[in-house]
Amino acid sequence: MSAIGPETNWASEAVEFLADTLPRDPERDGWNDKAMTAYQIGCEALVALGQA
């Protein structure tokens, strides 16, 4: 039986996209937390998805 509605793997795909596109801080191992609002929203999304 196939799933009806959105793909069930959307959260992991969203996490992968956000983690790959957020700017990195070259001076430390992690994301740049002094970024613009759009990046801050991406970081908040990762927190909400349990990945940050």
N, C-alpha and C. Protein backbone atom coordinates (compact mmCIF):
# COMPACT_ATOMS: atom_id res chain seq x y z
N MET A 1 0.84 -1.17 0.00
CA MET A 1 0.00 0.00 0.00
C MET A 1 0.89 1.25 0.00
N SER A 2 0.63 2.17 -0.89
CA SER A 2 1.46 3.36 -0.97
C SER A 2 0.92 4.43 -0.03
N ALA A 3 1.83 5.28 0.41
CA ALA A 3 1.44 6.37 1.32
C ALA A 3 0.67 7.44 0.55
N ILE A 4 -0.32 7.98 1.20
CA ILE A 4 -1.10 9.07 0.61
C ILE A 4 -0.67 10.36 1.29
N GLY A 5 -0.50 11.42 0.53
CA GLY A 5 -0.10 12.69 1.10
C GLY A 5 1.38 12.93 0.93
N PRO A 6 1.93 13.84 1.73
CA PRO A 6 3.34 14.19 1.59
C PRO A 6 4.27 13.02 1.89
N GLU A 7 5.44 13.10 1.33
CA GLU A 7 6.46 12.10 1.61
C GLU A 7 6.73 12.02 3.10
N THR A 8 6.96 10.82 3.59
CA THR A 8 7.19 10.65 5.02
C THR A 8 8.60 11.04 5.43
N ASN A 9 9.50 11.24 4.47
CA ASN A 9 10.90 11.54 4.77
C ASN A 9 11.21 13.03 4.64
N TRP A 10 10.20 13.89 4.66
CA TRP A 10 10.43 15.31 4.40
C TRP A 10 11.31 15.96 5.47
N ALA A 11 11.20 15.54 6.72
CA ALA A 11 11.97 16.19 7.79
C ALA A 11 13.46 15.98 7.58
N SER A 12 13.88 14.77 7.26
CA SER A 12 15.31 14.54 7.07
C SER A 12 15.82 15.27 5.83
N GLU A 13 15.00 15.39 4.81
CA GLU A 13 15.40 16.15 3.62
C GLU A 13 15.51 17.64 3.95
N ALA A 14 14.60 18.15 4.78
CA ALA A 14 14.67 19.56 5.19
C ALA A 14 15.92 19.81 6.02
N VAL A 15 16.23 18.91 6.94
CA VAL A 15 17.43 19.03 7.77
C VAL A 15 18.68 19.03 6.89
N GLU A 16 18.75 18.12 5.94
CA GLU A 16 19.91 18.05 5.06
C GLU A 16 20.08 19.35 4.26
N PHE A 17 18.98 19.86 3.71
CA PHE A 17 19.04 21.10 2.94
C PHE A 17 19.51 22.26 3.81
N LEU A 18 18.89 22.43 4.97
CA LEU A 18 19.26 23.54 5.85
C LEU A 18 20.70 23.44 6.33
N ALA A 19 21.12 22.25 6.73
CA ALA A 19 22.47 22.06 7.24
C ALA A 19 23.51 22.31 6.15
N ASP A 20 23.18 21.98 4.90
CA ASP A 20 24.12 22.18 3.80
C ASP A 20 24.17 23.62 3.32
N THR A 21 23.12 24.41 3.54
CA THR A 21 23.09 25.75 2.97
C THR A 21 23.36 26.86 3.98
N LEU A 22 23.31 26.57 5.27
CA LEU A 22 23.63 27.60 6.26
C LEU A 22 25.12 27.92 6.20
N PRO A 23 25.48 29.20 6.38
CA PRO A 23 26.90 29.57 6.33
C PRO A 23 27.67 28.98 7.51
N ARG A 24 28.89 28.58 7.25
CA ARG A 24 29.77 28.03 8.29
C ARG A 24 30.68 29.12 8.82
N ASP A 25 31.09 28.97 10.06
CA ASP A 25 32.06 29.87 10.67
C ASP A 25 33.44 29.23 10.50
N PRO A 26 34.33 29.86 9.73
CA PRO A 26 35.64 29.25 9.48
C PRO A 26 36.53 29.19 10.72
N GLU A 27 36.21 29.96 11.74
CA GLU A 27 37.06 29.98 12.94
C GLU A 27 36.67 28.93 13.97
N ARG A 28 35.54 28.27 13.77
CA ARG A 28 35.13 27.22 14.70
C ARG A 28 34.32 26.16 13.94
N ASP A 29 34.14 25.04 14.54
CA ASP A 29 33.41 23.96 13.90
C ASP A 29 31.91 24.17 14.13
N GLY A 30 31.24 24.75 13.19
CA GLY A 30 29.81 24.97 13.34
C GLY A 30 29.30 26.03 12.40
N TRP A 31 28.04 26.35 12.56
CA TRP A 31 27.41 27.35 11.70
C TRP A 31 27.70 28.75 12.21
N ASN A 32 27.63 29.70 11.31
CA ASN A 32 27.82 31.11 11.65
C ASN A 32 26.55 31.61 12.32
N ASP A 33 26.64 31.93 13.60
CA ASP A 33 25.46 32.37 14.34
C ASP A 33 25.28 33.88 14.31
N LYS A 34 26.08 34.57 13.51
CA LYS A 34 25.95 36.02 13.36
C LYS A 34 25.43 36.35 11.97
N ALA A 35 24.63 35.49 11.41
CA ALA A 35 24.16 35.62 10.04
C ALA A 35 22.88 36.43 9.96
N MET A 36 22.42 36.61 8.74
CA MET A 36 21.20 37.37 8.47
C MET A 36 19.96 36.62 8.93
N THR A 37 18.84 37.31 8.92
CA THR A 37 17.58 36.76 9.40
C THR A 37 17.20 35.45 8.73
N ALA A 38 17.36 35.35 7.43
CA ALA A 38 16.99 34.12 6.73
C ALA A 38 17.77 32.93 7.28
N TYR A 39 19.05 33.13 7.57
CA TYR A 39 19.85 32.05 8.13
C TYR A 39 19.45 31.76 9.57
N GLN A 40 19.07 32.78 10.30
CA GLN A 40 18.60 32.57 11.67
C GLN A 40 17.34 31.71 11.67
N ILE A 41 16.47 31.95 10.71
CA ILE A 41 15.25 31.13 10.59
C ILE A 41 15.62 29.70 10.27
N GLY A 42 16.62 29.51 9.40
CA GLY A 42 17.08 28.15 9.09
C GLY A 42 17.61 27.45 10.32
N CYS A 43 18.36 28.17 11.15
CA CYS A 43 18.89 27.58 12.39
C CYS A 43 17.75 27.23 13.34
N GLU A 44 16.76 28.12 13.44
CA GLU A 44 15.61 27.83 14.30
C GLU A 44 14.85 26.60 13.80
N ALA A 45 14.77 26.44 12.49
CA ALA A 45 14.11 25.26 11.94
C ALA A 45 14.88 24.00 12.31
N LEU A 46 16.22 24.04 12.25
CA LEU A 46 17.01 22.87 12.65
C LEU A 46 16.79 22.53 14.11
N VAL A 47 16.70 23.56 14.96
CA VAL A 47 16.43 23.33 16.38
C VAL A 47 15.05 22.66 16.53
N ALA A 48 14.06 23.18 15.83
CA ALA A 48 12.71 22.63 15.93
C ALA A 48 12.64 21.19 15.43
N LEU A 49 13.51 20.85 14.47
CA LEU A 49 13.55 19.49 13.93
C LEU A 49 14.47 18.58 14.74
N GLY A 50 15.03 19.12 15.83
CA GLY A 50 15.87 18.30 16.71
C GLY A 50 17.25 18.00 16.18
N GLN A 51 17.79 18.89 15.32
CA GLN A 51 19.08 18.63 14.70
C GLN A 51 20.16 19.63 15.06
N ALA A 52 19.88 20.53 15.99
CA ALA A 52 20.89 21.53 16.36
C ALA A 52 20.89 21.73 17.87
